[in-house]
């Protein structure tokens, strides 16, 4: 049996934009199902918001997202989680970093670190903080 872990991001009206952005960074396939498509739109103004969305790329990257309806409490909080992106190919990690950095606030520039051949931290334009590195024992 294989178990996978997929980060599920919660937004308030930005899930589609975020999924499209992550799709532009990582490629692969994008699925975006609205509340209206599922017959679950409690507020007509939110009918086209995302009830379930996912980006899944051939390199193994996967992320899910949805829009928290206005009828539910929503507070992203402060530093409630980081999204970790780790790979084995420094060139690929560097290219993904460059695309994630568009409109982002770089907190730690991508550079060698004591524990990794390359490491960086940024908060993307959606307020998601990413820690990006190459696995020390596998980096090529």
N, C-alpha and C. Protein backbone atom coordinates (compact mmCIF):
# COMPACT_ATOMS: atom_id res chain seq x y z
N UNK A 1 0.84 -1.18 0.00
CA UNK A 1 0.00 0.00 0.00
C UNK A 1 0.88 1.24 0.00
N UNK A 2 0.48 2.21 -0.79
CA UNK A 2 1.19 3.48 -0.84
C UNK A 2 0.29 4.58 -0.27
N UNK A 3 0.86 5.44 0.53
CA UNK A 3 0.14 6.57 1.10
C UNK A 3 0.79 7.83 0.57
N UNK A 4 -0.01 8.78 0.13
CA UNK A 4 0.52 10.06 -0.33
C UNK A 4 -0.07 11.17 0.53
N UNK A 5 0.61 12.27 0.56
CA UNK A 5 0.16 13.43 1.30
C UNK A 5 0.04 14.59 0.31
N UNK A 6 -1.11 15.21 0.27
CA UNK A 6 -1.34 16.32 -0.64
C UNK A 6 -1.79 17.52 0.17
N UNK A 7 -1.12 18.63 0.02
CA UNK A 7 -1.54 19.84 0.70
C UNK A 7 -2.82 20.34 0.08
N UNK A 8 -3.77 20.70 0.93
CA UNK A 8 -5.07 21.22 0.49
C UNK A 8 -5.15 22.66 0.97
N UNK A 9 -5.13 23.60 0.05
CA UNK A 9 -5.13 25.02 0.39
C UNK A 9 -6.55 25.56 0.40
N UNK A 10 -6.84 26.39 1.38
CA UNK A 10 -8.15 27.01 1.50
C UNK A 10 -8.03 28.50 1.19
N UNK A 11 -8.95 28.98 0.38
CA UNK A 11 -8.96 30.39 -0.03
C UNK A 11 -10.35 30.97 0.18
N UNK A 12 -10.44 32.26 0.01
CA UNK A 12 -11.73 32.94 0.01
C UNK A 12 -11.84 33.66 -1.34
N UNK A 13 -12.27 32.90 -2.34
CA UNK A 13 -12.48 33.47 -3.67
C UNK A 13 -11.26 33.50 -4.56
N UNK A 14 -10.13 32.96 -4.15
CA UNK A 14 -8.91 32.99 -4.96
C UNK A 14 -8.45 31.60 -5.42
N UNK A 15 -9.21 30.57 -5.14
CA UNK A 15 -8.74 29.21 -5.45
C UNK A 15 -8.47 29.01 -6.94
N UNK A 16 -9.37 29.47 -7.80
CA UNK A 16 -9.16 29.29 -9.24
C UNK A 16 -7.87 29.98 -9.69
N UNK A 17 -7.69 31.22 -9.28
CA UNK A 17 -6.49 31.97 -9.67
C UNK A 17 -5.23 31.27 -9.16
N UNK A 18 -5.27 30.80 -7.92
CA UNK A 18 -4.11 30.10 -7.34
C UNK A 18 -3.83 28.80 -8.10
N UNK A 19 -4.86 28.01 -8.35
CA UNK A 19 -4.66 26.76 -9.09
C UNK A 19 -4.09 27.02 -10.48
N UNK A 20 -4.60 28.04 -11.16
CA UNK A 20 -4.09 28.38 -12.50
C UNK A 20 -2.62 28.79 -12.43
N UNK A 21 -2.27 29.53 -11.39
CA UNK A 21 -0.87 29.93 -11.21
C UNK A 21 0.01 28.71 -10.97
N UNK A 22 -0.38 27.84 -10.04
CA UNK A 22 0.43 26.65 -9.76
C UNK A 22 0.51 25.74 -10.98
N UNK A 23 -0.55 25.69 -11.75
CA UNK A 23 -0.53 24.92 -13.01
C UNK A 23 0.49 25.53 -13.97
N UNK A 24 0.58 26.85 -14.03
CA UNK A 24 1.55 27.50 -14.91
C UNK A 24 2.98 27.24 -14.45
N UNK A 25 3.18 27.05 -13.15
CA UNK A 25 4.51 26.77 -12.61
C UNK A 25 4.90 25.32 -12.85
N UNK A 26 4.01 24.39 -12.50
CA UNK A 26 4.36 22.96 -12.48
C UNK A 26 3.88 22.17 -13.69
N UNK A 27 2.95 22.74 -14.47
CA UNK A 27 2.41 21.99 -15.61
C UNK A 27 1.46 20.91 -15.15
N UNK A 28 1.28 19.89 -15.98
CA UNK A 28 0.39 18.79 -15.65
C UNK A 28 -1.05 19.12 -15.95
N UNK A 29 -1.95 18.57 -15.15
CA UNK A 29 -3.38 18.78 -15.38
C UNK A 29 -3.98 19.59 -14.25
N UNK A 30 -5.00 20.36 -14.61
CA UNK A 30 -5.72 21.19 -13.65
C UNK A 30 -7.18 20.77 -13.67
N UNK A 31 -7.73 20.51 -12.50
CA UNK A 31 -9.15 20.21 -12.35
C UNK A 31 -9.74 21.27 -11.46
N UNK A 32 -10.85 21.87 -11.87
CA UNK A 32 -11.50 22.90 -11.07
C UNK A 32 -13.01 22.71 -11.18
N UNK A 33 -13.63 22.25 -10.10
CA UNK A 33 -15.07 21.99 -10.07
C UNK A 33 -15.72 23.03 -9.17
N UNK A 34 -16.72 23.70 -9.69
CA UNK A 34 -17.37 24.78 -8.95
C UNK A 34 -18.48 24.25 -8.05
N UNK A 35 -18.91 25.11 -7.14
CA UNK A 35 -20.05 24.79 -6.29
C UNK A 35 -21.29 24.56 -7.15
N UNK A 36 -21.46 25.38 -8.19
CA UNK A 36 -22.62 25.23 -9.09
C UNK A 36 -22.60 23.87 -9.78
N UNK A 37 -21.44 23.45 -10.27
CA UNK A 37 -21.34 22.16 -10.95
C UNK A 37 -21.72 21.00 -10.03
N UNK A 38 -21.48 21.16 -8.75
CA UNK A 38 -21.79 20.11 -7.78
C UNK A 38 -23.18 20.29 -7.16
N UNK A 39 -23.91 21.33 -7.59
CA UNK A 39 -25.23 21.58 -7.03
C UNK A 39 -25.16 21.97 -5.57
N UNK A 40 -24.08 22.63 -5.18
CA UNK A 40 -23.87 22.95 -3.77
C UNK A 40 -23.69 24.43 -3.50
N UNK A 41 -24.17 25.27 -4.41
CA UNK A 41 -24.00 26.72 -4.24
C UNK A 41 -25.07 27.26 -3.31
N UNK A 42 -24.68 27.54 -2.07
CA UNK A 42 -25.62 28.12 -1.12
C UNK A 42 -25.84 29.60 -1.37
N UNK A 43 -24.82 30.28 -1.86
CA UNK A 43 -24.88 31.71 -2.18
C UNK A 43 -24.66 31.84 -3.69
N UNK A 44 -25.63 32.34 -4.42
CA UNK A 44 -25.47 32.46 -5.87
C UNK A 44 -24.21 33.24 -6.29
N UNK A 45 -23.77 34.16 -5.47
CA UNK A 45 -22.56 34.94 -5.78
C UNK A 45 -21.31 34.08 -5.74
N UNK A 46 -21.40 32.91 -5.09
CA UNK A 46 -20.24 32.02 -4.97
C UNK A 46 -20.35 30.78 -5.86
N UNK A 47 -21.35 30.74 -6.71
CA UNK A 47 -21.61 29.55 -7.53
C UNK A 47 -20.41 29.15 -8.39
N UNK A 48 -19.66 30.11 -8.90
CA UNK A 48 -18.52 29.82 -9.77
C UNK A 48 -17.21 29.66 -9.01
N UNK A 49 -17.27 29.72 -7.70
CA UNK A 49 -16.05 29.50 -6.91
C UNK A 49 -15.77 28.00 -6.84
N UNK A 50 -14.56 27.66 -6.45
CA UNK A 50 -14.09 26.29 -6.50
C UNK A 50 -14.49 25.50 -5.25
N UNK A 51 -15.21 24.40 -5.50
CA UNK A 51 -15.54 23.48 -4.42
C UNK A 51 -14.45 22.43 -4.28
N UNK A 52 -13.86 22.03 -5.39
CA UNK A 52 -12.76 21.08 -5.38
C UNK A 52 -11.86 21.35 -6.58
N UNK A 53 -10.59 21.55 -6.31
CA UNK A 53 -9.64 21.78 -7.39
C UNK A 53 -8.32 21.10 -7.10
N UNK A 54 -7.61 20.78 -8.17
CA UNK A 54 -6.33 20.09 -8.02
C UNK A 54 -5.43 20.37 -9.22
N UNK A 55 -4.15 20.46 -8.94
CA UNK A 55 -3.11 20.45 -9.98
C UNK A 55 -2.29 19.21 -9.71
N UNK A 56 -2.09 18.41 -10.75
CA UNK A 56 -1.29 17.20 -10.64
C UNK A 56 -0.33 17.16 -11.82
N UNK A 57 0.97 17.12 -11.52
CA UNK A 57 2.00 17.16 -12.56
C UNK A 57 2.70 15.81 -12.68
N UNK A 58 3.26 15.53 -13.86
CA UNK A 58 3.94 14.26 -14.08
C UNK A 58 5.13 14.02 -13.15
N UNK A 59 5.74 15.10 -12.62
CA UNK A 59 6.90 14.93 -11.74
C UNK A 59 6.52 14.57 -10.31
N UNK A 60 5.22 14.37 -10.05
CA UNK A 60 4.76 13.98 -8.73
C UNK A 60 4.15 15.11 -7.92
N UNK A 61 4.26 16.35 -8.38
CA UNK A 61 3.68 17.47 -7.65
C UNK A 61 2.16 17.38 -7.69
N UNK A 62 1.54 17.62 -6.55
CA UNK A 62 0.08 17.67 -6.48
C UNK A 62 -0.31 18.64 -5.38
N UNK A 63 -1.30 19.47 -5.67
CA UNK A 63 -1.84 20.38 -4.67
C UNK A 63 -3.33 20.49 -4.91
N UNK A 64 -4.08 20.64 -3.83
CA UNK A 64 -5.53 20.79 -3.92
C UNK A 64 -5.92 22.15 -3.34
N UNK A 65 -7.09 22.65 -3.74
CA UNK A 65 -7.55 23.93 -3.21
C UNK A 65 -9.06 24.05 -3.33
N UNK A 66 -9.63 24.87 -2.47
CA UNK A 66 -11.05 25.22 -2.60
C UNK A 66 -11.29 26.58 -1.98
N UNK A 67 -12.46 27.14 -2.32
CA UNK A 67 -12.89 28.42 -1.75
C UNK A 67 -13.82 28.15 -0.58
N UNK A 68 -13.45 28.62 0.58
CA UNK A 68 -14.29 28.48 1.76
C UNK A 68 -15.50 29.40 1.57
N UNK A 69 -16.70 28.85 1.61
CA UNK A 69 -17.89 29.68 1.43
C UNK A 69 -18.01 30.75 2.52
N UNK A 70 -18.63 31.86 2.18
CA UNK A 70 -18.74 32.98 3.13
C UNK A 70 -19.56 32.61 4.36
N UNK A 71 -20.39 31.58 4.28
CA UNK A 71 -21.18 31.15 5.43
C UNK A 71 -20.32 30.45 6.49
N UNK A 72 -19.08 30.09 6.12
CA UNK A 72 -18.17 29.43 7.07
C UNK A 72 -17.08 30.39 7.49
N UNK A 73 -16.66 30.26 8.73
CA UNK A 73 -15.55 31.08 9.23
C UNK A 73 -14.28 30.73 8.46
N UNK A 74 -13.46 31.72 8.22
CA UNK A 74 -12.20 31.49 7.51
C UNK A 74 -11.17 32.48 8.02
N UNK A 75 -10.04 31.94 8.45
CA UNK A 75 -8.91 32.75 8.88
C UNK A 75 -7.66 31.97 8.53
N UNK A 76 -6.91 32.46 7.56
CA UNK A 76 -5.70 31.76 7.14
C UNK A 76 -4.70 31.67 8.28
N UNK A 77 -4.77 32.62 9.20
CA UNK A 77 -3.83 32.59 10.32
C UNK A 77 -2.47 33.11 9.90
N UNK A 78 -1.55 33.03 10.80
CA UNK A 78 -0.19 33.48 10.56
C UNK A 78 0.74 32.29 10.68
N UNK A 79 1.48 32.02 9.62
CA UNK A 79 2.45 30.93 9.62
C UNK A 79 1.82 29.59 10.03
N UNK A 80 0.58 29.37 9.62
CA UNK A 80 -0.11 28.14 10.02
C UNK A 80 0.44 26.91 9.30
N UNK A 81 1.09 27.10 8.16
CA UNK A 81 1.76 25.99 7.50
C UNK A 81 2.71 26.54 6.43
N UNK A 82 3.66 25.71 6.03
CA UNK A 82 4.52 25.98 4.87
C UNK A 82 4.25 24.87 3.87
N UNK A 83 4.34 25.20 2.62
CA UNK A 83 4.30 24.18 1.56
C UNK A 83 5.75 23.85 1.24
N UNK A 84 6.12 22.59 1.39
CA UNK A 84 7.49 22.16 1.13
C UNK A 84 7.59 21.58 -0.27
N UNK A 85 8.52 22.10 -1.05
CA UNK A 85 8.79 21.59 -2.39
C UNK A 85 10.23 21.10 -2.40
N UNK A 86 10.41 19.80 -2.50
CA UNK A 86 11.74 19.20 -2.47
C UNK A 86 11.89 18.33 -3.70
N UNK A 87 13.03 18.46 -4.36
CA UNK A 87 13.30 17.64 -5.52
C UNK A 87 14.72 17.13 -5.51
N UNK A 88 15.05 16.38 -6.54
CA UNK A 88 16.38 15.79 -6.63
C UNK A 88 17.23 16.45 -7.70
N UNK A 89 16.64 17.32 -8.50
CA UNK A 89 17.35 17.95 -9.61
C UNK A 89 17.43 19.46 -9.36
N UNK A 90 18.62 19.95 -9.10
CA UNK A 90 18.80 21.37 -8.76
C UNK A 90 18.31 22.28 -9.89
N UNK A 91 18.55 21.90 -11.12
CA UNK A 91 18.11 22.71 -12.26
C UNK A 91 16.58 22.82 -12.28
N UNK A 92 15.90 21.71 -12.05
CA UNK A 92 14.43 21.74 -12.03
C UNK A 92 13.92 22.58 -10.86
N UNK A 93 14.51 22.38 -9.67
CA UNK A 93 14.10 23.15 -8.50
C UNK A 93 14.31 24.65 -8.73
N UNK A 94 15.43 25.01 -9.34
CA UNK A 94 15.72 26.42 -9.62
C UNK A 94 14.69 27.01 -10.58
N UNK A 95 14.30 26.26 -11.60
CA UNK A 95 13.31 26.73 -12.56
C UNK A 95 11.94 26.90 -11.90
N UNK A 96 11.55 25.96 -11.06
CA UNK A 96 10.28 26.07 -10.35
C UNK A 96 10.29 27.27 -9.39
N UNK A 97 11.41 27.46 -8.71
CA UNK A 97 11.57 28.61 -7.82
C UNK A 97 11.35 29.92 -8.59
N UNK A 98 11.96 30.03 -9.74
CA UNK A 98 11.85 31.25 -10.54
C UNK A 98 10.39 31.55 -10.88
N UNK A 99 9.63 30.53 -11.20
CA UNK A 99 8.21 30.75 -11.55
C UNK A 99 7.39 31.05 -10.30
N UNK A 100 7.65 30.36 -9.20
CA UNK A 100 6.92 30.65 -7.96
C UNK A 100 7.22 32.07 -7.47
N UNK A 101 8.41 32.57 -7.74
CA UNK A 101 8.84 33.88 -7.23
C UNK A 101 8.16 35.05 -7.93
N UNK A 102 7.45 34.80 -9.02
CA UNK A 102 6.75 35.88 -9.72
C UNK A 102 5.69 36.48 -8.80
N UNK A 103 5.85 37.72 -8.45
CA UNK A 103 4.91 38.41 -7.56
C UNK A 103 5.05 38.01 -6.10
N UNK A 104 6.10 37.28 -5.75
CA UNK A 104 6.28 36.78 -4.39
C UNK A 104 7.17 37.70 -3.57
N UNK A 105 7.16 37.46 -2.27
CA UNK A 105 8.10 38.10 -1.36
C UNK A 105 9.13 37.04 -0.97
N UNK A 106 10.36 37.23 -1.42
CA UNK A 106 11.41 36.25 -1.12
C UNK A 106 11.88 36.48 0.31
N UNK A 107 11.76 35.44 1.12
CA UNK A 107 12.15 35.53 2.52
C UNK A 107 13.58 35.05 2.74
N UNK A 108 13.97 34.00 2.01
CA UNK A 108 15.35 33.50 2.03
C UNK A 108 15.70 33.21 0.57
N UNK A 109 16.65 33.93 0.00
CA UNK A 109 17.00 33.70 -1.40
C UNK A 109 17.46 32.26 -1.64
N UNK A 110 17.19 31.76 -2.82
CA UNK A 110 17.59 30.40 -3.18
C UNK A 110 19.11 30.35 -3.28
N UNK A 111 19.72 29.51 -2.43
CA UNK A 111 21.19 29.43 -2.35
C UNK A 111 21.56 28.16 -1.58
N UNK A 112 22.82 27.77 -1.62
CA UNK A 112 23.25 26.62 -0.83
C UNK A 112 23.00 26.86 0.67
N UNK A 113 22.68 25.77 1.37
CA UNK A 113 22.46 25.83 2.82
C UNK A 113 23.23 24.69 3.47
N UNK A 114 23.39 24.74 4.78
CA UNK A 114 24.14 23.70 5.49
C UNK A 114 23.55 22.31 5.26
N UNK A 115 22.23 22.22 5.14
CA UNK A 115 21.56 20.93 5.04
C UNK A 115 21.15 20.56 3.61
N UNK A 116 21.39 21.46 2.67
CA UNK A 116 20.93 21.19 1.31
C UNK A 116 21.81 21.92 0.30
N UNK A 117 22.00 21.33 -0.88
CA UNK A 117 22.76 22.01 -1.92
C UNK A 117 22.10 23.31 -2.38
N UNK A 118 20.77 23.41 -2.17
CA UNK A 118 20.04 24.62 -2.55
C UNK A 118 18.76 24.71 -1.72
N UNK A 119 18.51 25.90 -1.16
CA UNK A 119 17.35 26.11 -0.29
C UNK A 119 16.90 27.56 -0.43
N UNK A 120 15.59 27.78 -0.36
CA UNK A 120 15.04 29.12 -0.33
C UNK A 120 13.65 29.11 0.27
N UNK A 121 13.19 30.28 0.66
CA UNK A 121 11.83 30.43 1.21
C UNK A 121 11.22 31.68 0.63
N UNK A 122 9.97 31.57 0.19
CA UNK A 122 9.25 32.73 -0.31
C UNK A 122 7.78 32.62 0.06
N UNK A 123 7.13 33.76 0.10
CA UNK A 123 5.69 33.81 0.28
C UNK A 123 5.11 34.29 -1.04
N UNK A 124 4.33 33.40 -1.67
CA UNK A 124 3.83 33.72 -3.02
C UNK A 124 2.73 34.77 -2.97
N UNK A 125 2.28 35.17 -4.12
CA UNK A 125 1.31 36.26 -4.21
C UNK A 125 -0.05 35.93 -3.61
N UNK A 126 -0.25 34.65 -3.20
CA UNK A 126 -1.50 34.25 -2.55
C UNK A 126 -1.33 34.11 -1.04
N UNK A 127 -0.14 34.46 -0.53
CA UNK A 127 0.11 34.37 0.90
C UNK A 127 0.56 33.00 1.37
N UNK A 128 0.90 32.10 0.44
CA UNK A 128 1.36 30.76 0.79
C UNK A 128 2.88 30.80 0.88
N UNK A 129 3.41 30.33 2.01
CA UNK A 129 4.86 30.30 2.19
C UNK A 129 5.40 28.94 1.75
N UNK A 130 6.38 29.00 0.85
CA UNK A 130 7.02 27.81 0.28
C UNK A 130 8.45 27.71 0.78
N UNK A 131 8.83 26.51 1.24
CA UNK A 131 10.23 26.20 1.50
C UNK A 131 10.64 25.26 0.37
N UNK A 132 11.68 25.65 -0.34
CA UNK A 132 12.09 24.95 -1.55
C UNK A 132 13.52 24.48 -1.37
N UNK A 133 13.76 23.18 -1.61
CA UNK A 133 15.13 22.69 -1.49
C UNK A 133 15.35 21.44 -2.34
N UNK A 134 16.61 21.08 -2.43
CA UNK A 134 17.01 19.83 -3.08
C UNK A 134 17.41 18.87 -1.97
N UNK A 135 16.97 17.62 -2.10
CA UNK A 135 17.31 16.61 -1.12
C UNK A 135 18.83 16.45 -1.11
N UNK A 136 19.43 16.62 0.05
CA UNK A 136 20.90 16.66 0.18
C UNK A 136 21.57 15.40 -0.34
N UNK A 137 21.01 14.25 -0.06
CA UNK A 137 21.66 12.99 -0.45
C UNK A 137 21.32 12.55 -1.87
N UNK A 138 20.42 13.30 -2.55
CA UNK A 138 19.99 12.87 -3.88
C UNK A 138 20.22 13.93 -4.95
N UNK A 139 20.62 15.12 -4.57
CA UNK A 139 20.72 16.21 -5.55
C UNK A 139 21.73 15.89 -6.65
N UNK A 140 21.33 16.19 -7.86
CA UNK A 140 22.20 15.95 -9.01
C UNK A 140 22.71 17.25 -9.58
